[in-house]
Amino acid sequence: MPDAPSSLSRLTRGYSVALFSALILSTTAILIRYLTQTYHLPALILAFWRDVFVSLTLFLAFLARRPRLHGLRIARQDLPYLILYGLALGVMNALWTLAVALNGAAVATVLVYCSVAFTALLAWWFLHESLTWVKLLAVVLSLGGCILVANALDPAAWSVNLLGILTGVLSGLCYAIYSLMGRAASQRGLNPWTTLFYTFSFAALFLLAFNVLPGGRLPGTAAQWSDFLWLGSAPAGWGVLFFLAAGPTLLGFGLYNVSLVYLPSSIANLVVTLEPVFTALIAYFALGERLTGLQVLGSLLILSAVMVLRLSERR
C-alpha cells in the first residue's frame, strides 16, 4: 500500500497533467472555428480528418522512436476493448458536433459538461470510486460555472427542441464513458499513448462510417465521396487542420489519458472542465472577445471546484 507522501505526489502529478491537458484542449475550439468559418468545412468531415491525422502522427512518432513499433504491440484480449473505446470516442465526437448544430455552441457546451455528474456517478457505480460530499459539491460548482461561462442563462440559447437537448445530454454521457474507459485502460496496464493511437484509429473508421452510411442525411456529413477532399487545393486549410490534430488534439487527449493513470476518472473529468475557462481567456487576449461579469463568475466557480477537491485531498 503506498504511503501518504507517495500518494500525494501522484495526485499532484495527476492534477498538473490534467490542468495542462485542459489548457491545450482549450485552443481546439478556436482552430475549429477558423476552419468552419473560413472554409465552411462540414463538422463530421473535419472530425474524421482530425482523427486520421492524430493516428498518423502517433504512428510516425512510434516509428521514429522504436523502429520495430514495439509501442504499438498490445495483447490480443485488449483489442476488443480498444475497439469499443474507439467507438465511444467516435460517437462522442459525432454527438458533440450534432449538439452544436442543433443547439448552438453555448447550450451544447453546457450539455456536454454534464459529463462531470455522469462520470462521478458511473465511476462510483462501476469503478467503485468514492462519492463524497466534497466531490458532489465540486460537481455542482463546476456545472454552475460551465453554464455561466457558456452564457447559457440567455433564454434565447435554450430555444431548442427535445431532440437537440437529448443529443447534447448523450454527448455528455459519451464523454463520461470515454473517461471511465480511459481509467479502466490504465488499470489494464495499457500505455496511454498506445491507447490513444488505437482509439483514434478506430474512431476514424467509425467516423468514416458515420459520414458514408447515412448518405449525407446527418448534419455536417459528406453527401458524396468528393466531399472528403473539401479543402481541395487550399494548403493553408490543410495545414491548420493537420496542426489542430497533431498539436492540441494529440497532446490534449494524450495528456488527459496520462492524467487518468494518476487520478480517478471523476476527478480528472472535473479538472478538465477548466477548458472553457481557458478558451474564454485565449479568445479575450487573442481575438479581443470580452468576458462578461457572469463569465468571470463562472470561471471562478470552476476554479473553486478544482480547489475544493485539491484542498480536501491534501487534508
Protein backbone atom coordinates (compact mmCIF):
# COMPACT_ATOMS: atom_id res chain seq x y z
CA MET A 1 0.00 0.00 0.00
CA PRO A 2 1.56 3.39 -0.96
CA ASP A 3 2.40 5.79 1.84
CA ALA A 4 0.80 9.25 2.15
CA PRO A 5 3.68 11.27 0.61
CA SER A 6 3.77 8.91 -2.39
CA SER A 7 0.00 9.16 -2.89
CA LEU A 8 0.13 12.95 -2.59
CA SER A 9 2.91 13.09 -5.17
CA ARG A 10 0.84 11.03 -7.63
CA LEU A 11 -2.17 13.28 -7.08
CA THR A 12 -0.05 16.40 -7.63
CA ARG A 13 1.33 14.95 -10.85
CA GLY A 14 -2.17 13.96 -11.99
CA TYR A 15 -3.60 17.42 -11.31
CA SER A 16 -0.70 19.10 -13.14
CA VAL A 17 -1.10 16.87 -16.20
CA ALA A 18 -4.92 17.32 -16.26
CA LEU A 19 -4.58 21.11 -15.98
CA PHE A 20 -2.08 21.20 -18.83
CA SER A 21 -4.42 18.97 -20.86
CA ALA A 22 -7.31 21.42 -20.31
CA LEU A 23 -5.09 24.34 -21.34
CA ILE A 24 -4.04 22.65 -24.59
CA LEU A 25 -7.54 21.40 -25.44
CA SER A 26 -8.89 24.92 -24.97
CA THR A 27 -7.19 26.00 -28.22
CA THR A 28 -9.07 23.46 -30.32
CA ALA A 29 -12.32 25.44 -30.37
CA ILE A 30 -10.55 28.46 -31.85
CA LEU A 31 -8.92 26.38 -34.62
CA ILE A 32 -12.17 24.56 -35.39
CA ARG A 33 -13.98 27.89 -35.54
CA TYR A 34 -11.40 29.17 -38.02
CA LEU A 35 -11.77 26.12 -40.29
CA THR A 36 -15.57 26.09 -40.24
CA GLN A 37 -15.91 29.84 -40.80
CA THR A 38 -13.11 30.31 -43.34
CA TYR A 39 -13.52 27.14 -45.40
CA HIS A 40 -17.07 26.10 -44.34
CA LEU A 41 -15.68 22.63 -43.67
CA PRO A 42 -18.50 20.25 -42.58
CA ALA A 43 -18.08 19.28 -38.96
CA LEU A 44 -18.02 15.48 -39.24
CA ILE A 45 -15.61 15.60 -42.17
CA LEU A 46 -13.38 17.81 -40.01
CA ALA A 47 -13.70 15.31 -37.14
CA PHE A 48 -12.78 12.42 -39.47
CA TRP A 49 -9.58 14.04 -40.76
CA ARG A 50 -8.71 15.22 -37.26
CA ASP A 51 -8.73 11.62 -36.01
CA VAL A 52 -6.85 10.36 -39.08
CA PHE A 53 -4.06 12.92 -38.63
CA VAL A 54 -3.78 12.14 -34.90
CA SER A 55 -3.32 8.44 -35.71
CA LEU A 56 -0.84 9.18 -38.49
CA THR A 57 1.23 11.47 -36.27
CA LEU A 58 1.35 8.90 -33.48
CA PHE A 59 2.31 6.14 -35.92
CA LEU A 60 5.22 8.21 -37.25
CA ALA A 61 6.28 9.06 -33.70
CA PHE A 62 6.33 5.38 -32.74
CA LEU A 63 8.19 4.57 -35.96
CA ALA A 64 10.86 7.20 -35.29
CA ARG A 65 11.33 6.25 -31.64
CA ARG A 66 11.04 2.49 -31.96
CA PRO A 67 11.84 1.22 -35.47
CA ARG A 68 10.15 -2.10 -34.76
CA LEU A 69 7.00 -0.43 -33.46
CA HIS A 70 7.14 -2.14 -30.07
CA GLY A 71 4.99 0.67 -28.69
CA LEU A 72 2.05 -0.48 -30.80
CA ARG A 73 2.04 -4.04 -29.54
CA ILE A 74 -1.00 -4.98 -27.47
CA ALA A 75 -2.36 -8.20 -26.04
CA ARG A 76 -4.96 -9.89 -28.19
CA GLN A 77 -7.52 -9.77 -25.39
CA ASP A 78 -7.21 -5.96 -25.24
CA LEU A 79 -8.19 -5.44 -28.89
CA PRO A 80 -12.00 -5.74 -28.43
CA TYR A 81 -11.78 -3.30 -25.53
CA LEU A 82 -9.86 -0.77 -27.64
CA ILE A 83 -12.39 -1.10 -30.47
CA LEU A 84 -15.20 -0.27 -28.01
CA TYR A 85 -13.09 2.58 -26.64
CA GLY A 86 -12.66 3.94 -30.18
CA LEU A 87 -16.40 3.62 -30.76
CA ALA A 88 -17.04 5.67 -27.60
CA LEU A 89 -14.68 8.37 -28.88
CA GLY A 90 -16.22 8.37 -32.37
CA VAL A 91 -19.79 8.56 -31.05
CA MET A 92 -18.77 11.32 -28.62
CA ASN A 93 -17.30 13.38 -31.47
CA ALA A 94 -20.37 12.80 -33.66
CA LEU A 95 -22.90 13.64 -30.94
CA TRP A 96 -20.94 16.72 -29.85
CA THR A 97 -20.94 18.00 -33.44
CA LEU A 98 -24.66 17.31 -33.83
CA ALA A 99 -25.36 19.01 -30.49
CA VAL A 100 -23.63 22.17 -31.71
CA ALA A 101 -25.60 22.03 -34.98
CA LEU A 102 -28.94 21.56 -33.19
CA ASN A 103 -28.47 23.70 -30.09
CA GLY A 104 -25.73 26.23 -30.78
CA ALA A 105 -22.34 26.37 -29.12
CA ALA A 106 -23.40 27.77 -25.73
CA VAL A 107 -26.09 25.21 -24.90
CA ALA A 108 -24.02 22.35 -26.38
CA THR A 109 -21.10 23.29 -24.12
CA VAL A 110 -23.28 23.20 -21.03
CA LEU A 111 -24.84 19.88 -22.01
CA VAL A 112 -21.53 18.14 -22.78
CA TYR A 113 -20.14 19.17 -19.38
CA CYS A 114 -22.96 17.37 -17.64
CA SER A 115 -20.37 14.62 -18.11
CA VAL A 116 -18.89 15.58 -14.73
CA ALA A 117 -22.04 14.36 -12.99
CA PHE A 118 -22.29 11.26 -15.19
CA THR A 119 -18.62 10.46 -14.58
CA ALA A 120 -18.89 10.82 -10.81
CA LEU A 121 -21.95 8.54 -10.65
CA LEU A 122 -20.75 5.94 -13.15
CA ALA A 123 -17.27 5.80 -11.61
CA TRP A 124 -18.87 5.23 -8.19
CA TRP A 125 -21.06 2.51 -9.65
CA PHE A 126 -18.66 0.65 -11.96
CA LEU A 127 -15.14 1.50 -10.72
CA HIS A 128 -16.02 1.83 -7.02
CA GLU A 129 -14.54 5.35 -6.81
CA SER A 130 -15.54 7.36 -3.75
CA LEU A 131 -18.55 9.69 -3.96
CA THR A 132 -18.07 12.11 -1.07
CA TRP A 133 -19.96 15.31 -0.31
CA VAL A 134 -16.82 17.24 -1.34
CA LYS A 135 -16.89 15.66 -4.80
CA LEU A 136 -20.63 16.33 -5.14
CA LEU A 137 -20.05 19.97 -4.17
CA ALA A 138 -17.31 20.20 -6.81
CA VAL A 139 -19.69 18.75 -9.42
CA VAL A 140 -22.33 21.38 -8.60
CA LEU A 141 -19.80 24.24 -8.69
CA SER A 142 -18.34 23.01 -11.97
CA LEU A 143 -21.73 22.63 -13.69
CA GLY A 144 -22.81 26.08 -12.50
CA GLY A 145 -19.56 27.58 -13.73
CA CYS A 146 -19.91 25.98 -17.17
CA ILE A 147 -23.43 27.39 -17.50
CA LEU A 148 -22.16 30.91 -16.77
CA VAL A 149 -19.03 30.66 -18.96
CA ALA A 150 -21.12 29.38 -21.88
CA ASN A 151 -23.58 32.28 -21.36
CA ALA A 152 -26.39 29.75 -21.24
CA LEU A 153 -28.54 31.91 -18.95
CA ASP A 154 -29.69 33.71 -22.07
CA PRO A 155 -33.25 32.34 -22.66
CA ALA A 156 -32.73 32.55 -26.40
CA ALA A 157 -29.93 29.99 -26.17
CA TRP A 158 -32.39 27.37 -24.91
CA SER A 159 -34.94 27.75 -27.72
CA VAL A 160 -34.27 24.21 -28.92
CA ASN A 161 -36.28 21.04 -29.44
CA LEU A 162 -36.29 17.86 -27.42
CA LEU A 163 -34.04 16.09 -29.95
CA GLY A 164 -31.39 18.79 -29.54
CA ILE A 165 -31.41 18.56 -25.74
CA LEU A 166 -31.30 14.75 -25.85
CA THR A 167 -28.36 14.81 -28.28
CA GLY A 168 -26.44 17.20 -26.03
CA VAL A 169 -27.04 15.12 -22.90
CA LEU A 170 -25.98 11.96 -24.73
CA SER A 171 -22.74 13.69 -25.80
CA GLY A 172 -22.04 14.34 -22.12
CA LEU A 173 -22.81 10.72 -21.29
CA CYS A 174 -20.39 9.54 -24.00
CA TYR A 175 -17.70 11.87 -22.65
CA ALA A 176 -18.19 10.28 -19.23
CA ILE A 177 -17.95 6.78 -20.75
CA TYR A 178 -14.77 7.83 -22.58
CA SER A 179 -13.27 9.00 -19.26
CA LEU A 180 -14.20 5.78 -17.46
CA MET A 181 -12.80 3.63 -20.26
CA GLY A 182 -9.57 5.61 -20.14
CA ARG A 183 -9.27 4.95 -16.42
CA ALA A 184 -10.01 1.26 -16.96
CA ALA A 185 -7.39 1.13 -19.74
CA SER A 186 -4.75 2.44 -17.34
CA GLN A 187 -5.80 -0.20 -14.80
CA ARG A 188 -5.27 -2.82 -17.52
CA GLY A 189 -1.67 -1.62 -17.78
CA LEU A 190 -2.07 -0.14 -21.28
CA ASN A 191 0.30 2.66 -22.21
CA PRO A 192 -1.70 5.93 -22.54
CA TRP A 193 -0.12 6.83 -25.90
CA THR A 194 -0.62 3.33 -27.30
CA THR A 195 -4.24 3.52 -26.17
CA LEU A 196 -4.56 6.92 -27.85
CA PHE A 197 -3.29 5.56 -31.18
CA TYR A 198 -5.77 2.69 -31.27
CA THR A 199 -8.77 4.69 -30.03
CA PHE A 200 -8.27 7.47 -32.57
CA SER A 201 -7.64 4.95 -35.36
CA PHE A 202 -10.84 3.07 -34.62
CA ALA A 203 -12.72 6.36 -34.07
CA ALA A 204 -11.62 7.50 -37.55
CA LEU A 205 -13.09 4.30 -39.04
CA PHE A 206 -16.36 4.82 -37.18
CA LEU A 207 -16.50 8.48 -38.26
CA LEU A 208 -15.92 7.36 -41.85
CA ALA A 209 -18.96 5.12 -41.47
CA PHE A 210 -21.00 7.93 -39.86
CA ASN A 211 -20.20 10.10 -42.89
CA VAL A 212 -20.90 7.50 -45.55
CA LEU A 213 -23.70 5.26 -44.27
CA PRO A 214 -26.40 7.92 -43.65
CA GLY A 215 -25.95 9.17 -47.24
CA GLY A 216 -25.46 12.79 -46.20
CA ARG A 217 -28.61 12.95 -44.09
CA LEU A 218 -26.83 13.83 -40.84
CA PRO A 219 -25.77 17.48 -40.41
CA GLY A 220 -22.13 18.08 -41.28
CA THR A 221 -21.54 14.76 -43.04
CA ALA A 222 -20.27 14.01 -46.54
CA ALA A 223 -23.01 13.98 -49.18
CA GLN A 224 -20.62 12.32 -51.65
CA TRP A 225 -17.09 10.88 -51.62
CA SER A 226 -15.57 14.03 -53.13
CA ASP A 227 -16.65 15.96 -50.02
CA PHE A 228 -13.85 14.28 -48.06
CA LEU A 229 -11.46 16.49 -50.07
CA TRP A 230 -13.47 19.58 -49.21
CA LEU A 231 -10.34 21.67 -48.65
CA GLY A 232 -9.14 20.78 -52.14
CA SER A 233 -6.03 22.72 -53.11
CA ALA A 234 -6.04 25.00 -50.06
CA PRO A 235 -2.67 24.24 -48.42
CA ALA A 236 -3.30 26.71 -45.60
CA GLY A 237 -6.55 24.93 -44.69
CA TRP A 238 -4.91 21.50 -44.71
CA GLY A 239 -2.04 22.94 -42.66
CA VAL A 240 -4.36 24.29 -39.97
CA LEU A 241 -6.30 21.01 -39.91
CA PHE A 242 -3.10 18.99 -39.51
CA PHE A 243 -1.83 21.34 -36.79
CA LEU A 244 -5.18 21.01 -34.98
CA ALA A 245 -4.76 17.24 -34.96
CA ALA A 246 -1.01 16.87 -34.40
CA GLY A 247 -0.88 19.68 -31.83
CA PRO A 248 -3.79 20.46 -29.49
CA THR A 249 -5.82 17.28 -30.11
CA LEU A 250 -2.93 14.84 -29.82
CA LEU A 251 -1.32 16.48 -26.80
CA GLY A 252 -4.62 17.38 -25.12
CA PHE A 253 -6.19 13.93 -25.31
CA GLY A 254 -2.84 12.23 -24.72
CA LEU A 255 -2.21 14.14 -21.51
CA TYR A 256 -5.79 13.51 -20.41
CA ASN A 257 -5.14 9.78 -20.81
CA VAL A 258 -1.93 10.17 -18.81
CA SER A 259 -3.80 12.01 -16.02
CA LEU A 260 -6.15 9.01 -15.74
CA VAL A 261 -3.14 6.92 -14.68
CA TYR A 262 -2.81 9.10 -11.55
CA LEU A 263 -6.34 10.38 -10.90
CA PRO A 264 -9.79 8.80 -10.56
CA SER A 265 -11.80 9.44 -13.72
CA SER A 266 -14.33 11.63 -11.89
CA ILE A 267 -11.62 13.98 -10.62
CA ALA A 268 -9.76 14.13 -13.95
CA ASN A 269 -13.02 15.00 -15.71
CA LEU A 270 -13.72 17.76 -13.19
CA VAL A 271 -10.27 19.29 -13.65
CA VAL A 272 -10.67 19.33 -17.45
CA THR A 273 -13.85 21.40 -17.10
CA LEU A 274 -11.39 24.30 -16.87
CA GLU A 275 -11.17 24.02 -20.67
CA PRO A 276 -13.97 26.57 -21.40
CA VAL A 277 -12.34 28.98 -18.93
CA PHE A 278 -9.02 28.76 -20.76
CA THR A 279 -10.83 29.10 -24.11
CA ALA A 280 -12.56 32.27 -22.93
CA LEU A 281 -9.24 33.73 -21.75
CA ILE A 282 -7.47 32.87 -25.01
CA ALA A 283 -10.34 34.39 -27.00
CA TYR A 284 -10.09 37.52 -24.85
CA PHE A 285 -6.37 38.04 -25.42
CA ALA A 286 -6.03 36.63 -28.97
CA LEU A 287 -9.36 37.60 -30.54
CA GLY A 288 -10.37 40.59 -28.43
CA GLU A 289 -13.54 38.89 -27.20
CA ARG A 290 -14.57 40.40 -23.87
CA LEU A 291 -15.63 38.42 -20.81
CA THR A 292 -18.88 39.41 -19.12
CA GLY A 293 -19.22 39.61 -15.37
CA LEU A 294 -21.18 36.35 -15.32
CA GLN A 295 -18.47 34.60 -17.36
CA VAL A 296 -15.83 35.76 -14.90
CA LEU A 297 -18.02 34.47 -12.05
CA GLY A 298 -18.44 31.15 -13.85
CA SER A 299 -14.67 30.85 -14.28
CA LEU A 300 -14.21 31.43 -10.56
CA LEU A 301 -16.80 28.74 -9.76
CA ILE A 302 -14.96 26.16 -11.88
CA LEU A 303 -11.64 27.14 -10.31
CA SER A 304 -13.28 26.81 -6.89
CA ALA A 305 -14.46 23.28 -7.73
CA VAL A 306 -10.90 22.19 -8.52
CA MET A 307 -9.50 23.94 -5.45
CA VAL A 308 -12.11 22.33 -3.16
CA LEU A 309 -11.09 18.88 -4.41
CA ARG A 310 -7.38 19.60 -4.14
CA LEU A 311 -7.57 21.04 -0.62
CA SER A 312 -9.71 18.18 0.66
CA GLU A 313 -7.20 15.66 -0.67
CA ARG A 314 -4.25 17.45 0.90
CA ARG A 315 -6.03 17.21 4.25
